[in-house]
Amino acid sequence: MSEQDVIKAALAEGERRAGSVLAFRRGQLAVREAAIARARAEAPVAHAERALAPQAVAAAGSAPRGVLVAEGDSWFDYPMTDALRVLEDQFGYDVESVAHKGDRVEDMAYSDGQLEELTRTIEKLLRRRIEPRAVLLSGGGNDVAGPEFGMLLNHRRSPTPGLNAQIIAGVFNERIKLAYISILQAVTRISEDKLHRRIPIVVHGYDHPVPDGRGFMGGWWFLPGPWLEPGFREKGYGGDDRLDERIVLAAAVIDHFNVMLKSIADMPEFAHVHYVDLRGTLSNAAGNYQEFWANELHPTPSGFELVARQLAAAL
């Protein structure tokens, strides 16, 4: 198949999945309507709406600048703070999130979990007469980080040390790219069905991390880590004296990801998709990177503030 044929197949897969989820949701909405009708017939007074006390409304704060729907990974679903919490608390948005830490773009593209939840969330907003301002999508880090990361590297003592160009191309320009195209097309189709227009979608690349062997503090099973240093060590780049080499190689991996993601946002089919380049937002310099990176993959609270600022600017 030509590259264009492969892209068309990925778009078609997104359409197919969106159609499947929309058909499922239509069935569930019919069940819901029947349940509400029965409940109102049995106890009409009990199900009458009650007005909120004015003081209760005031205590919740001012109306938001807009409502966002988010789908993604741990950058949107991280303990204590993440980019979405900052968007709410410091930028005045309300965010309805179906993001789940640890999820891969392939999970989002080819499994119905997050997509069905996203569709359900949009329906809930529409029942409250709220139109989402945008969909935020975060993903890709989990597709390469972890036990499989070493596969991106040639051994340091091999005749061709560094990144394996063929594997990098296969992972980013084929596997992750096609998954992104599929999920973006599915979200686009759902927004067209539910909102009768294409809602803006904001995607982001990641910044250059520091593979220093730090995992998630506390060792929670769903965020253990480290995710990068073990792969480097396996291929001969271990040890403190090799950290600078690891930083350069990790930055090159992230650059490949960002180039791929921007190429998708530049596709004519995705004129409503906005790519945010986060490179240079979080320092990876030896003297201060720990102020911005809590571990190998996730920002500190102040780092998430900087990330959210970039996302807010795109909105």
C-alpha atoms as a PDB file:
ATOM      1  CA  MET A   1       0.000   0.000   0.000  1.00  0.00           C
ATOM      2  CA  SER A   2       1.157   3.540  -0.709  1.00  0.00           C
ATOM      3  CA  GLU A   3       1.535   6.034   2.145  1.00  0.00           C
ATOM      4  CA  GLN A   4      -1.636   7.794   1.003  1.00  0.00           C
ATOM      5  CA  ASP A   5      -3.543   4.501   0.984  1.00  0.00           C
ATOM      6  CA  VAL A   6      -2.357   3.768   4.525  1.00  0.00           C
ATOM      7  CA  ILE A   7      -3.483   7.215   5.701  1.00  0.00           C
ATOM      8  CA  LYS A   8      -6.877   6.693   4.050  1.00  0.00           C
ATOM      9  CA  ALA A   9      -7.157   3.359   5.870  1.00  0.00           C
ATOM     10  CA  ALA A  10      -6.374   5.056   9.199  1.00  0.00           C
ATOM     11  CA  LEU A  11      -9.014   7.717   8.516  1.00  0.00           C
ATOM     12  CA  ALA A  12     -11.494   4.998   7.607  1.00  0.00           C
ATOM     13  CA  GLU A  13     -10.734   3.133  10.828  1.00  0.00           C
ATOM     14  CA  GLY A  14     -11.446   6.311  12.787  1.00  0.00           C
ATOM     15  CA  GLU A  15     -14.762   6.674  10.947  1.00  0.00           C
ATOM     16  CA  ARG A  16     -15.617   3.045  11.649  1.00  0.00           C
ATOM     17  CA  ARG A  17     -14.883   3.305  15.338  1.00  0.00           C
ATOM     18  CA  ALA A  18     -16.800   6.555  15.653  1.00  0.00           C
ATOM     19  CA  GLY A  19     -19.772   4.947  13.903  1.00  0.00           C
ATOM     20  CA  SER A  20     -19.637   1.979  16.260  1.00  0.00           C
ATOM     21  CA  VAL A  21     -19.501   4.187  19.368  1.00  0.00           C
ATOM     22  CA  LEU A  22     -22.269   6.477  18.087  1.00  0.00           C
ATOM     23  CA  ALA A  23     -24.524   3.503  17.359  1.00  0.00           C
ATOM     24  CA  PHE A  24     -23.890   2.147  20.848  1.00  0.00           C
ATOM     25  CA  ARG A  25     -24.619   5.528  22.411  1.00  0.00           C
ATOM     26  CA  ARG A  26     -27.879   5.883  20.465  1.00  0.00           C
ATOM     27  CA  GLY A  27     -28.995   2.589  21.932  1.00  0.00           C
ATOM     28  CA  GLN A  28     -27.974   3.628  25.432  1.00  0.00           C
ATOM     29  CA  LEU A  29     -29.729   6.996  25.087  1.00  0.00           C
ATOM     30  CA  ALA A  30     -32.933   5.218  24.098  1.00  0.00           C
ATOM     31  CA  VAL A  31     -32.673   3.037  27.208  1.00  0.00           C
ATOM     32  CA  ARG A  32     -32.031   6.147  29.316  1.00  0.00           C
ATOM     33  CA  GLU A  33     -35.039   8.007  27.905  1.00  0.00           C
ATOM     34  CA  ALA A  34     -37.288   5.036  28.642  1.00  0.00           C
ATOM     35  CA  ALA A  35     -35.979   4.830  32.217  1.00  0.00           C
ATOM     36  CA  ILE A  36     -36.577   8.557  32.798  1.00  0.00           C
ATOM     37  CA  ALA A  37     -40.094   8.337  31.366  1.00  0.00           C
ATOM     38  CA  ARG A  38     -40.962   5.417  33.667  1.00  0.00           C
ATOM     39  CA  ALA A  39     -39.524   7.179  36.715  1.00  0.00           C
ATOM     40  CA  ARG A  40     -41.462  10.381  36.021  1.00  0.00           C
ATOM     41  CA  ALA A  41     -44.678   8.462  35.471  1.00  0.00           C
ATOM     42  CA  GLU A  42     -44.266   6.609  38.763  1.00  0.00           C
ATOM     43  CA  ALA A  43     -43.267   9.618  40.903  1.00  0.00           C
ATOM     44  CA  PRO A  44     -43.595  12.926  39.042  1.00  0.00           C
ATOM     45  CA  VAL A  45     -43.194  15.101  42.139  1.00  0.00           C
ATOM     46  CA  ALA A  46     -40.125  13.282  43.419  1.00  0.00           C
ATOM     47  CA  HIS A  47     -38.360  13.881  40.126  1.00  0.00           C
ATOM     48  CA  ALA A  48     -39.152  17.575  39.790  1.00  0.00           C
ATOM     49  CA  GLU A  49     -36.052  19.763  39.558  1.00  0.00           C
ATOM     50  CA  ARG A  50     -35.091  21.798  42.597  1.00  0.00           C
ATOM     51  CA  ALA A  51     -33.540  25.233  42.275  1.00  0.00           C
ATOM     52  CA  LEU A  52     -30.106  25.661  43.791  1.00  0.00           C
ATOM     53  CA  ALA A  53     -29.741  28.103  46.646  1.00  0.00           C
ATOM     54  CA  PRO A  54     -27.993  31.291  45.413  1.00  0.00           C
ATOM     55  CA  GLN A  55     -25.330  30.972  48.104  1.00  0.00           C
ATOM     56  CA  ALA A  56     -24.475  27.463  46.902  1.00  0.00           C
ATOM     57  CA  VAL A  57     -23.956  28.758  43.367  1.00  0.00           C
ATOM     58  CA  ALA A  58     -21.848  31.674  44.616  1.00  0.00           C
ATOM     59  CA  ALA A  59     -19.658  29.385  46.724  1.00  0.00           C
ATOM     60  CA  ALA A  60     -18.684  27.382  43.636  1.00  0.00           C
ATOM     61  CA  GLY A  61     -17.104  30.437  42.025  1.00  0.00           C
ATOM     62  CA  SER A  62     -17.613  32.352  38.810  1.00  0.00           C
ATOM     63  CA  ALA A  63     -18.759  30.788  35.569  1.00  0.00           C
ATOM     64  CA  PRO A  64     -15.853  29.287  33.607  1.00  0.00           C
ATOM     65  CA  ARG A  65     -14.161  30.841  30.598  1.00  0.00           C
ATOM     66  CA  GLY A  66     -15.235  27.743  28.730  1.00  0.00           C
ATOM     67  CA  VAL A  67     -15.644  23.999  29.098  1.00  0.00           C
ATOM     68  CA  LEU A  68     -13.034  21.620  27.703  1.00  0.00           C
ATOM     69  CA  VAL A  69     -13.224  17.869  27.157  1.00  0.00           C
ATOM     70  CA  ALA A  70      -9.962  15.976  27.605  1.00  0.00           C
ATOM     71  CA  GLU A  71      -8.784  12.554  26.523  1.00  0.00           C
ATOM     72  CA  GLY A  72      -5.314  11.244  27.153  1.00  0.00           C
ATOM     73  CA  ASP A  73      -2.599   9.909  29.413  1.00  0.00           C
ATOM     74  CA  SER A  74      -0.898  10.799  32.706  1.00  0.00           C
ATOM     75  CA  TRP A  75      -0.086  14.385  31.671  1.00  0.00           C
ATOM     76  CA  PHE A  76      -3.853  14.826  32.025  1.00  0.00           C
ATOM     77  CA  ASP A  77      -4.297  12.336  34.875  1.00  0.00           C
ATOM     78  CA  TYR A  78      -1.500  12.639  37.405  1.00  0.00           C
ATOM     79  CA  PRO A  79      -1.657  12.458  41.220  1.00  0.00           C
ATOM     80  CA  MET A  80      -2.109  15.773  43.023  1.00  0.00           C
ATOM     81  CA  THR A  81      -1.655  18.017  39.980  1.00  0.00           C
ATOM     82  CA  ASP A  82      -1.570  17.837  36.192  1.00  0.00           C
ATOM     83  CA  ALA A  83      -2.084  20.103  33.198  1.00  0.00           C
ATOM     84  CA  LEU A  84      -5.885  19.903  33.447  1.00  0.00           C
ATOM     85  CA  ARG A  85      -6.035  20.913  37.109  1.00  0.00           C
ATOM     86  CA  VAL A  86      -3.895  23.941  36.311  1.00  0.00           C
ATOM     87  CA  LEU A  87      -6.157  24.883  33.408  1.00  0.00           C
ATOM     88  CA  GLU A  88      -9.072  24.856  35.838  1.00  0.00           C
ATOM     89  CA  ASP A  89      -7.503  26.568  38.842  1.00  0.00           C
ATOM     90  CA  GLN A  90      -5.204  29.100  37.190  1.00  0.00           C
ATOM     91  CA  PHE A  91      -6.851  29.729  33.822  1.00  0.00           C
ATOM     92  CA  GLY A  92     -10.533  29.520  34.689  1.00  0.00           C
ATOM     93  CA  TYR A  93     -11.674  26.622  32.498  1.00  0.00           C
ATOM     94  CA  ASP A  94     -13.889  23.729  33.519  1.00  0.00           C
ATOM     95  CA  VAL A  95     -12.472  20.454  32.228  1.00  0.00           C
ATOM     96  CA  GLU A  96     -14.423  17.237  31.771  1.00  0.00           C
ATOM     97  CA  SER A  97     -11.779  14.531  31.515  1.00  0.00           C
ATOM     98  CA  VAL A  98     -11.818  10.892  30.430  1.00  0.00           C
ATOM     99  CA  ALA A  99      -7.995  10.705  30.491  1.00  0.00           C
ATOM    100  CA  HIS A 100      -6.384   7.708  32.149  1.00  0.00           C
ATOM    101  CA  LYS A 101      -2.791   7.415  33.289  1.00  0.00           C
ATOM    102  CA  GLY A 102      -0.840   4.754  31.430  1.00  0.00           C
ATOM    103  CA  ASP A 103      -3.028   4.726  28.312  1.00  0.00           C
ATOM    104  CA  ARG A 104      -1.334   4.600  24.932  1.00  0.00           C
ATOM    105  CA  VAL A 105      -2.463   6.320  21.759  1.00  0.00           C
ATOM    106  CA  GLU A 106      -3.099   2.840  20.356  1.00  0.00           C
ATOM    107  CA  ASP A 107      -5.458   2.186  23.290  1.00  0.00           C
ATOM    108  CA  MET A 108      -7.340   5.379  22.473  1.00  0.00           C
ATOM    109  CA  ALA A 109      -7.379   4.668  18.740  1.00  0.00           C
ATOM    110  CA  TYR A 110      -8.352   1.020  18.648  1.00  0.00           C
ATOM    111  CA  SER A 111     -10.212   0.366  21.905  1.00  0.00           C
ATOM    112  CA  ASP A 112     -13.618   1.868  22.617  1.00  0.00           C
ATOM    113  CA  GLY A 113     -13.042   2.823  26.271  1.00  0.00           C
ATOM    114  CA  GLN A 114     -11.973   6.482  26.239  1.00  0.00           C
ATOM    115  CA  LEU A 115     -13.852   7.260  23.002  1.00  0.00           C
ATOM    116  CA  GLU A 116     -17.160   6.018  24.408  1.00  0.00           C
ATOM    117  CA  GLU A 117     -16.546   7.956  27.633  1.00  0.00           C
ATOM    118  CA  LEU A 118     -15.725  11.084  25.641  1.00  0.00           C
ATOM    119  CA  THR A 119     -18.960  10.723  23.660  1.00  0.00           C
ATOM    120  CA  ARG A 120     -20.943  10.217  26.852  1.00  0.00           C
ATOM    121  CA  THR A 121     -19.306  13.313  28.373  1.00  0.00           C
ATOM    122  CA  ILE A 122     -20.233  15.472  25.381  1.00  0.00           C
ATOM    123  CA  GLU A 123     -23.841  14.258  25.657  1.00  0.00           C
ATOM    124  CA  LYS A 124     -23.941  15.229  29.323  1.00  0.00           C
ATOM    125  CA  LEU A 125     -22.703  18.716  28.505  1.00  0.00           C
ATOM    126  CA  LEU A 126     -25.235  19.149  25.723  1.00  0.00           C
ATOM    127  CA  ARG A 127     -28.074  18.143  28.061  1.00  0.00           C
ATOM    128  CA  ARG A 128     -26.948  21.063  30.232  1.00  0.00           C
ATOM    129  CA  ARG A 129     -26.949  23.328  27.129  1.00  0.00           C
ATOM    130  CA  ILE A 130     -23.137  23.564  27.219  1.00  0.00           C
ATOM    131  CA  GLU A 131     -21.061  23.322  24.061  1.00  0.00           C
ATOM    132  CA  PRO A 132     -17.433  22.330  24.665  1.00  0.00           C
ATOM    133  CA  ARG A 133     -14.925  24.915  23.553  1.00  0.00           C
ATOM    134  CA  ALA A 134     -12.358  22.296  22.485  1.00  0.00           C
ATOM    135  CA  VAL A 135     -11.161  18.734  22.930  1.00  0.00           C
ATOM    136  CA  LEU A 136      -7.686  18.303  24.430  1.00  0.00           C
ATOM    137  CA  LEU A 137      -5.759  15.167  23.471  1.00  0.00           C
ATOM    138  CA  SER A 138      -2.558  13.960  25.134  1.00  0.00           C
ATOM    139  CA  GLY A 139      -0.793  10.751  24.178  1.00  0.00           C
ATOM    140  CA  GLY A 140       2.231   8.982  22.769  1.00  0.00           C
ATOM    141  CA  GLY A 141       4.689   8.805  25.651  1.00  0.00           C
ATOM    142  CA  ASN A 142       3.414   5.463  26.908  1.00  0.00           C
ATOM    143  CA  ASP A 143       3.696   3.978  23.419  1.00  0.00           C
ATOM    144  CA  VAL A 144       7.505   4.133  23.547  1.00  0.00           C
ATOM    145  CA  ALA A 145       8.523   4.524  27.202  1.00  0.00           C
ATOM    146  CA  GLY A 146       8.969   1.520  29.453  1.00  0.00           C
ATOM    147  CA  PRO A 147      10.317  -1.972  28.731  1.00  0.00           C
ATOM    148  CA  GLU A 148      10.251  -1.456  24.961  1.00  0.00           C
ATOM    149  CA  PHE A 149      12.232   1.799  24.968  1.00  0.00           C
ATOM    150  CA  GLY A 150      15.564   0.043  24.431  1.00  0.00           C
ATOM    151  CA  MET A 151      14.329  -1.194  21.061  1.00  0.00           C
ATOM    152  CA  LEU A 152      14.690   2.370  19.737  1.00  0.00           C
ATOM    153  CA  LEU A 153      18.442   2.273  20.392  1.00  0.00           C
ATOM    154  CA  ASN A 154      21.443   0.595  18.852  1.00  0.00           C
ATOM    155  CA  HIS A 155      24.043  -0.514  21.375  1.00  0.00           C
ATOM    156  CA  ARG A 156      26.636   2.108  22.230  1.00  0.00           C
ATOM    157  CA  ARG A 157      29.439  -0.222  21.118  1.00  0.00           C
ATOM    158  CA  SER A 158      27.785  -1.165  17.831  1.00  0.00           C
ATOM    159  CA  PRO A 159      29.075   0.196  14.499  1.00  0.00           C
ATOM    160  CA  THR A 160      26.000   2.455  14.405  1.00  0.00           C
ATOM    161  CA  PRO A 161      25.377   3.665  17.974  1.00  0.00           C
ATOM    162  CA  GLY A 162      22.463   5.906  18.867  1.00  0.00           C
ATOM    163  CA  LEU A 163      18.911   5.767  17.575  1.00  0.00           C
ATOM    164  CA  ASN A 164      17.915   2.985  15.216  1.00  0.00           C
ATOM    165  CA  ALA A 165      16.555   4.959  12.279  1.00  0.00           C
ATOM    166  CA  GLN A 166      14.434   2.150  10.870  1.00  0.00           C
ATOM    167  CA  ILE A 167      12.747   1.352  14.177  1.00  0.00           C
ATOM    168  CA  ILE A 168      12.213   5.050  14.939  1.00  0.00           C
ATOM    169  CA  ALA A 169      10.537   5.477  11.546  1.00  0.00           C
ATOM    170  CA  GLY A 170       8.352   2.429  12.068  1.00  0.00           C
ATOM    171  CA  VAL A 171       7.274   3.422  15.564  1.00  0.00           C
ATOM    172  CA  PHE A 172       6.635   7.130  15.005  1.00  0.00           C
ATOM    173  CA  ASN A 173       5.886   7.523  11.298  1.00  0.00           C
ATOM    174  CA  GLU A 174       3.765   4.415  11.042  1.00  0.00           C
ATOM    175  CA  ARG A 175       2.437   2.934  14.276  1.00  0.00           C
ATOM    176  CA  ILE A 176       1.877   6.069  16.388  1.00  0.00           C
ATOM    177  CA  LYS A 177       1.075   8.309  13.413  1.00  0.00           C
ATOM    178  CA  LEU A 178      -1.667   6.001  12.133  1.00  0.00           C
ATOM    179  CA  ALA A 179      -3.099   5.633  15.639  1.00  0.00           C
ATOM    180  CA  TYR A 180      -3.202   9.427  16.003  1.00  0.00           C
ATOM    181  CA  ILE A 181      -4.880   9.843  12.630  1.00  0.00           C
ATOM    182  CA  SER A 182      -7.474   7.261  13.597  1.00  0.00           C
ATOM    183  CA  ILE A 183      -8.342   8.782  16.980  1.00  0.00           C
ATOM    184  CA  LEU A 184      -8.420  12.329  15.604  1.00  0.00           C
ATOM    185  CA  GLN A 185     -10.776  11.249  12.834  1.00  0.00           C
ATOM    186  CA  ALA A 186     -12.990   9.437  15.345  1.00  0.00           C
ATOM    187  CA  VAL A 187     -13.206  12.490  17.638  1.00  0.00           C
ATOM    188  CA  THR A 188     -13.889  14.696  14.615  1.00  0.00           C
ATOM    189  CA  ARG A 189     -16.717  12.452  13.445  1.00  0.00           C
ATOM    190  CA  ILE A 190     -18.285  12.363  16.915  1.00  0.00           C
ATOM    191  CA  SER A 191     -18.168  16.150  17.212  1.00  0.00           C
ATOM    192  CA  GLU A 192     -19.832  16.457  13.803  1.00  0.00           C
ATOM    193  CA  ASP A 193     -22.576  14.067  14.871  1.00  0.00           C
ATOM    194  CA  LYS A 194     -23.188  15.609  18.296  1.00  0.00           C
ATOM    195  CA  LEU A 195     -22.439  19.296  17.689  1.00  0.00           C
ATOM    196  CA  HIS A 196     -23.063  19.516  13.928  1.00  0.00           C
ATOM    197  CA  ARG A 197     -19.676  21.109  13.478  1.00  0.00           C
ATOM    198  CA  ARG A 198     -16.005  20.257  13.866  1.00  0.00           C
ATOM    199  CA  ILE A 199     -14.919  21.155  17.368  1.00  0.00           C
ATOM    200  CA  PRO A 200     -11.308  22.383  17.740  1.00  0.00           C
ATOM    201  CA  ILE A 201      -8.899  19.673  18.907  1.00  0.00           C
ATOM    202  CA  VAL A 202      -5.659  20.619  20.692  1.00  0.00           C
ATOM    203  CA  VAL A 203      -2.774  18.121  20.709  1.00  0.00           C
ATOM    204  CA  HIS A 204       0.680  18.562  22.215  1.00  0.00           C
ATOM    205  CA  GLY A 205       4.115  17.110  21.841  1.00  0.00           C
ATOM    206  CA  TYR A 206       6.306  16.442  24.859  1.00  0.00           C
ATOM    207  CA  ASP A 207       9.358  18.352  26.003  1.00  0.00           C
ATOM    208  CA  HIS A 208      12.917  16.971  26.230  1.00  0.00           C
ATOM    209  CA  PRO A 209      13.137  14.723  29.321  1.00  0.00           C
ATOM    210  CA  VAL A 210      16.098  13.752  31.480  1.00  0.00           C
ATOM    211  CA  PRO A 211      16.671   9.954  31.672  1.00  0.00           C
ATOM    212  CA  ASP A 212      18.213  10.028  35.147  1.00  0.00           C
ATOM    213  CA  GLY A 213      16.531   6.882  36.485  1.00  0.00           C
ATOM    214  CA  ARG A 214      13.939   8.630  38.638  1.00  0.00           C
ATOM    215  CA  GLY A 215      10.514   7.014  38.787  1.00  0.00           C
ATOM    216  CA  PHE A 216       7.317   8.132  40.450  1.00  0.00           C
ATOM    217  CA  MET A 217       7.886   8.952  44.113  1.00  0.00           C
ATOM    218  CA  GLY A 218       5.905   6.456  46.178  1.00  0.00           C
ATOM    219  CA  GLY A 219       6.104   3.642  43.649  1.00  0.00           C
ATOM    220  CA  TRP A 220       2.375   3.446  42.839  1.00  0.00           C
ATOM    221  CA  TRP A 221       1.848   0.410  40.640  1.00  0.00           C
ATOM    222  CA  PHE A 222       0.315   2.412  37.761  1.00  0.00           C
ATOM    223  CA  LEU A 223       3.157   4.974  37.737  1.00  0.00           C
ATOM    224  CA  PRO A 224       6.274   3.054  38.750  1.00  0.00           C
ATOM    225  CA  GLY A 225       9.181   4.051  36.524  1.00  0.00           C
ATOM    226  CA  PRO A 226      11.884   4.648  35.622  1.00  0.00           C
ATOM    227  CA  TRP A 227      10.813   4.398  32.004  1.00  0.00           C
ATOM    228  CA  LEU A 228      13.886   5.468  30.004  1.00  0.00           C
ATOM    229  CA  GLU A 229      17.149   4.839  31.885  1.00  0.00           C
ATOM    230  CA  PRO A 230      16.759   1.018  32.005  1.00  0.00           C
ATOM    231  CA  GLY A 231      16.544   0.890  28.194  1.00  0.00           C
ATOM    232  CA  PHE A 232      19.593   3.116  27.906  1.00  0.00           C
ATOM    233  CA  ARG A 233      21.500   0.979  30.408  1.00  0.00           C
ATOM    234  CA  GLU A 234      20.573  -2.164  28.463  1.00  0.00           C
ATOM    235  CA  LYS A 235      22.196  -0.644  25.369  1.00  0.00           C
ATOM    236  CA  GLY A 236      25.402   0.519  27.065  1.00  0.00           C
ATOM    237  CA  TYR A 237      24.433   4.074  28.017  1.00  0.00           C
ATOM    238  CA  GLY A 238      24.084   3.500  31.767  1.00  0.00           C
ATOM    239  CA  GLY A 239      25.864   5.328  34.573  1.00  0.00           C
ATOM    240  CA  ASP A 240      26.032   8.931  35.719  1.00  0.00           C
ATOM    241  CA  ASP A 241      28.894   9.644  33.323  1.00  0.00           C
ATOM    242  CA  ARG A 242      26.585   8.837  30.375  1.00  0.00           C
ATOM    243  CA  LEU A 243      23.702  11.119  31.419  1.00  0.00           C
ATOM    244  CA  ASP A 244      24.625  13.811  28.895  1.00  0.00           C
ATOM    245  CA  GLU A 245      24.522  11.232  26.089  1.00  0.00           C
ATOM    246  CA  ARG A 246      21.168   9.971  27.284  1.00  0.00           C
ATOM    247  CA  ILE A 247      19.759  13.513  27.370  1.00  0.00           C
ATOM    248  CA  VAL A 248      20.806  14.130  23.758  1.00  0.00           C
ATOM    249  CA  LEU A 249      19.340  10.842  22.540  1.00  0.00           C
ATOM    250  CA  ALA A 250      16.105  11.305  24.504  1.00  0.00           C
ATOM    251  CA  ALA A 251      15.736  14.787  22.992  1.00  0.00           C
ATOM    252  CA  ALA A 252      16.138  13.293  19.513  1.00  0.00           C
ATOM    253  CA  VAL A 253      13.359  10.787  20.253  1.00  0.00           C
ATOM    254  CA  ILE A 254      11.049  13.592  21.365  1.00  0.00           C
ATOM    255  CA  ASP A 255      11.959  15.623  18.283  1.00  0.00           C
ATOM    256  CA  HIS A 256      10.874  12.727  16.052  1.00  0.00           C
ATOM    257  CA  PHE A 257       7.573  12.562  17.933  1.00  0.00           C
ATOM    258  CA  ASN A 258       6.949  16.293  17.567  1.00  0.00           C
ATOM    259  CA  VAL A 259       7.752  16.334  13.848  1.00  0.00           C
ATOM    260  CA  MET A 260       5.339  13.452  13.326  1.00  0.00           C
ATOM    261  CA  LEU A 261       2.557  15.098  15.333  1.00  0.00           C
ATOM    262  CA  LYS A 262       2.921  18.430  13.527  1.00  0.00           C
ATOM    263  CA  SER A 263       2.709  16.640  10.178  1.00  0.00           C
ATOM    264  CA  ILE A 264      -0.689  15.266  11.208  1.00  0.00           C
ATOM    265  CA  ALA A 265      -1.988  18.652  12.317  1.00  0.00           C
ATOM    266  CA  ASP A 266      -0.879  20.006   8.922  1.00  0.00           C
ATOM    267  CA  MET A 267      -3.043  17.507   7.024  1.00  0.00           C
ATOM    268  CA  PRO A 268      -5.936  19.190   5.162  1.00  0.00           C
ATOM    269  CA  GLU A 269      -8.372  16.794   6.849  1.00  0.00           C
ATOM    270  CA  PHE A 270      -7.352  18.228  10.231  1.00  0.00           C
ATOM    271  CA  ALA A 271      -7.514  21.979   9.747  1.00  0.00           C
ATOM    272  CA  HIS A 272      -9.363  22.128  13.089  1.00  0.00           C
ATOM    273  CA  VAL A 273      -6.485  20.361  14.927  1.00  0.00           C
ATOM    274  CA  HIS A 274      -4.022  22.656  16.703  1.00  0.00           C
ATOM    275  CA  TYR A 275      -0.559  21.334  17.586  1.00  0.00           C
ATOM    276  CA  VAL A 276       1.273  22.791  20.608  1.00  0.00           C
ATOM    277  CA  ASP A 277       5.055  22.470  20.581  1.00  0.00           C
ATOM    278  CA  LEU A 278       6.182  22.223  24.211  1.00  0.00           C
ATOM    279  CA  ARG A 279       9.903  21.867  23.511  1.00  0.00           C
ATOM    280  CA  GLY A 280      11.860  24.424  25.474  1.00  0.00           C
ATOM    281  CA  THR A 281       9.116  24.838  28.061  1.00  0.00           C
ATOM    282  CA  LEU A 282      10.784  22.614  30.685  1.00  0.00           C
ATOM    283  CA  SER A 283      14.529  22.798  31.212  1.00  0.00           C
ATOM    284  CA  ASN A 284      16.634  19.666  30.775  1.00  0.00           C
ATOM    285  CA  ALA A 285      19.830  21.407  31.914  1.00  0.00           C
ATOM    286  CA  ALA A 286      21.852  19.625  34.591  1.00  0.00           C
ATOM    287  CA  GLY A 287      21.729  22.581  36.980  1.00  0.00           C
ATOM    288  CA  ASN A 288      17.962  23.028  37.287  1.00  0.00           C
ATOM    289  CA  TYR A 289      15.983  20.299  35.504  1.00  0.00           C
ATOM    290  CA  GLN A 290      14.649  18.849  38.754  1.00  0.00           C
ATOM    291  CA  GLU A 291      12.697  22.086  39.267  1.00  0.00           C
ATOM    292  CA  PHE A 292      10.680  21.206  36.177  1.00  0.00           C
ATOM    293  CA  TRP A 293      10.778  17.394  35.936  1.00  0.00           C
ATOM    294  CA  ALA A 294       9.431  15.326  38.839  1.00  0.00           C
ATOM    295  CA  ASN A 295      10.796  12.192  37.187  1.00  0.00           C
ATOM    296  CA  GLU A 296      11.760  10.924  33.746  1.00  0.00           C
ATOM    297  CA  LEU A 297       8.332  11.437  32.182  1.00  0.00           C
ATOM    298  CA  HIS A 298       6.286  13.878  34.276  1.00  0.00           C
ATOM    299  CA  PRO A 299       6.655  17.559  35.154  1.00  0.00           C
ATOM    300  CA  THR A 300       6.710  18.971  38.662  1.00  0.00           C
ATOM    301  CA  PRO A 301       3.730  21.130  39.721  1.00  0.00           C
ATOM    302  CA  SER A 302       5.579  24.230  38.476  1.00  0.00           C
ATOM    303  CA  GLY A 303       6.372  22.354  35.277  1.00  0.00           C
ATOM    304  CA  PHE A 304       2.717  21.497  34.744  1.00  0.00           C
ATOM    305  CA  GLU A 305       1.921  25.196  35.217  1.00  0.00           C
ATOM    306  CA  LEU A 306       4.209  26.036  32.306  1.00  0.00           C
ATOM    307  CA  VAL A 307       2.658  23.289  30.165  1.00  0.00           C
ATOM    308  CA  ALA A 308      -0.866  24.491  30.962  1.00  0.00           C
ATOM    309  CA  ARG A 309       0.116  28.038  30.047  1.00  0.00           C
ATOM    310  CA  GLN A 310       1.086  26.849  26.578  1.00  0.00           C
ATOM    311  CA  LEU A 311      -2.161  24.924  26.177  1.00  0.00           C
ATOM    312  CA  ALA A 312      -4.175  27.911  27.374  1.00  0.00           C
ATOM    313  CA  ALA A 313      -2.458  30.103  24.797  1.00  0.00           C
ATOM    314  CA  ALA A 314      -3.595  27.701  22.067  1.00  0.00           C
ATOM    315  CA  LEU A 315      -7.184  28.017  23.261  1.00  0.00           C
END
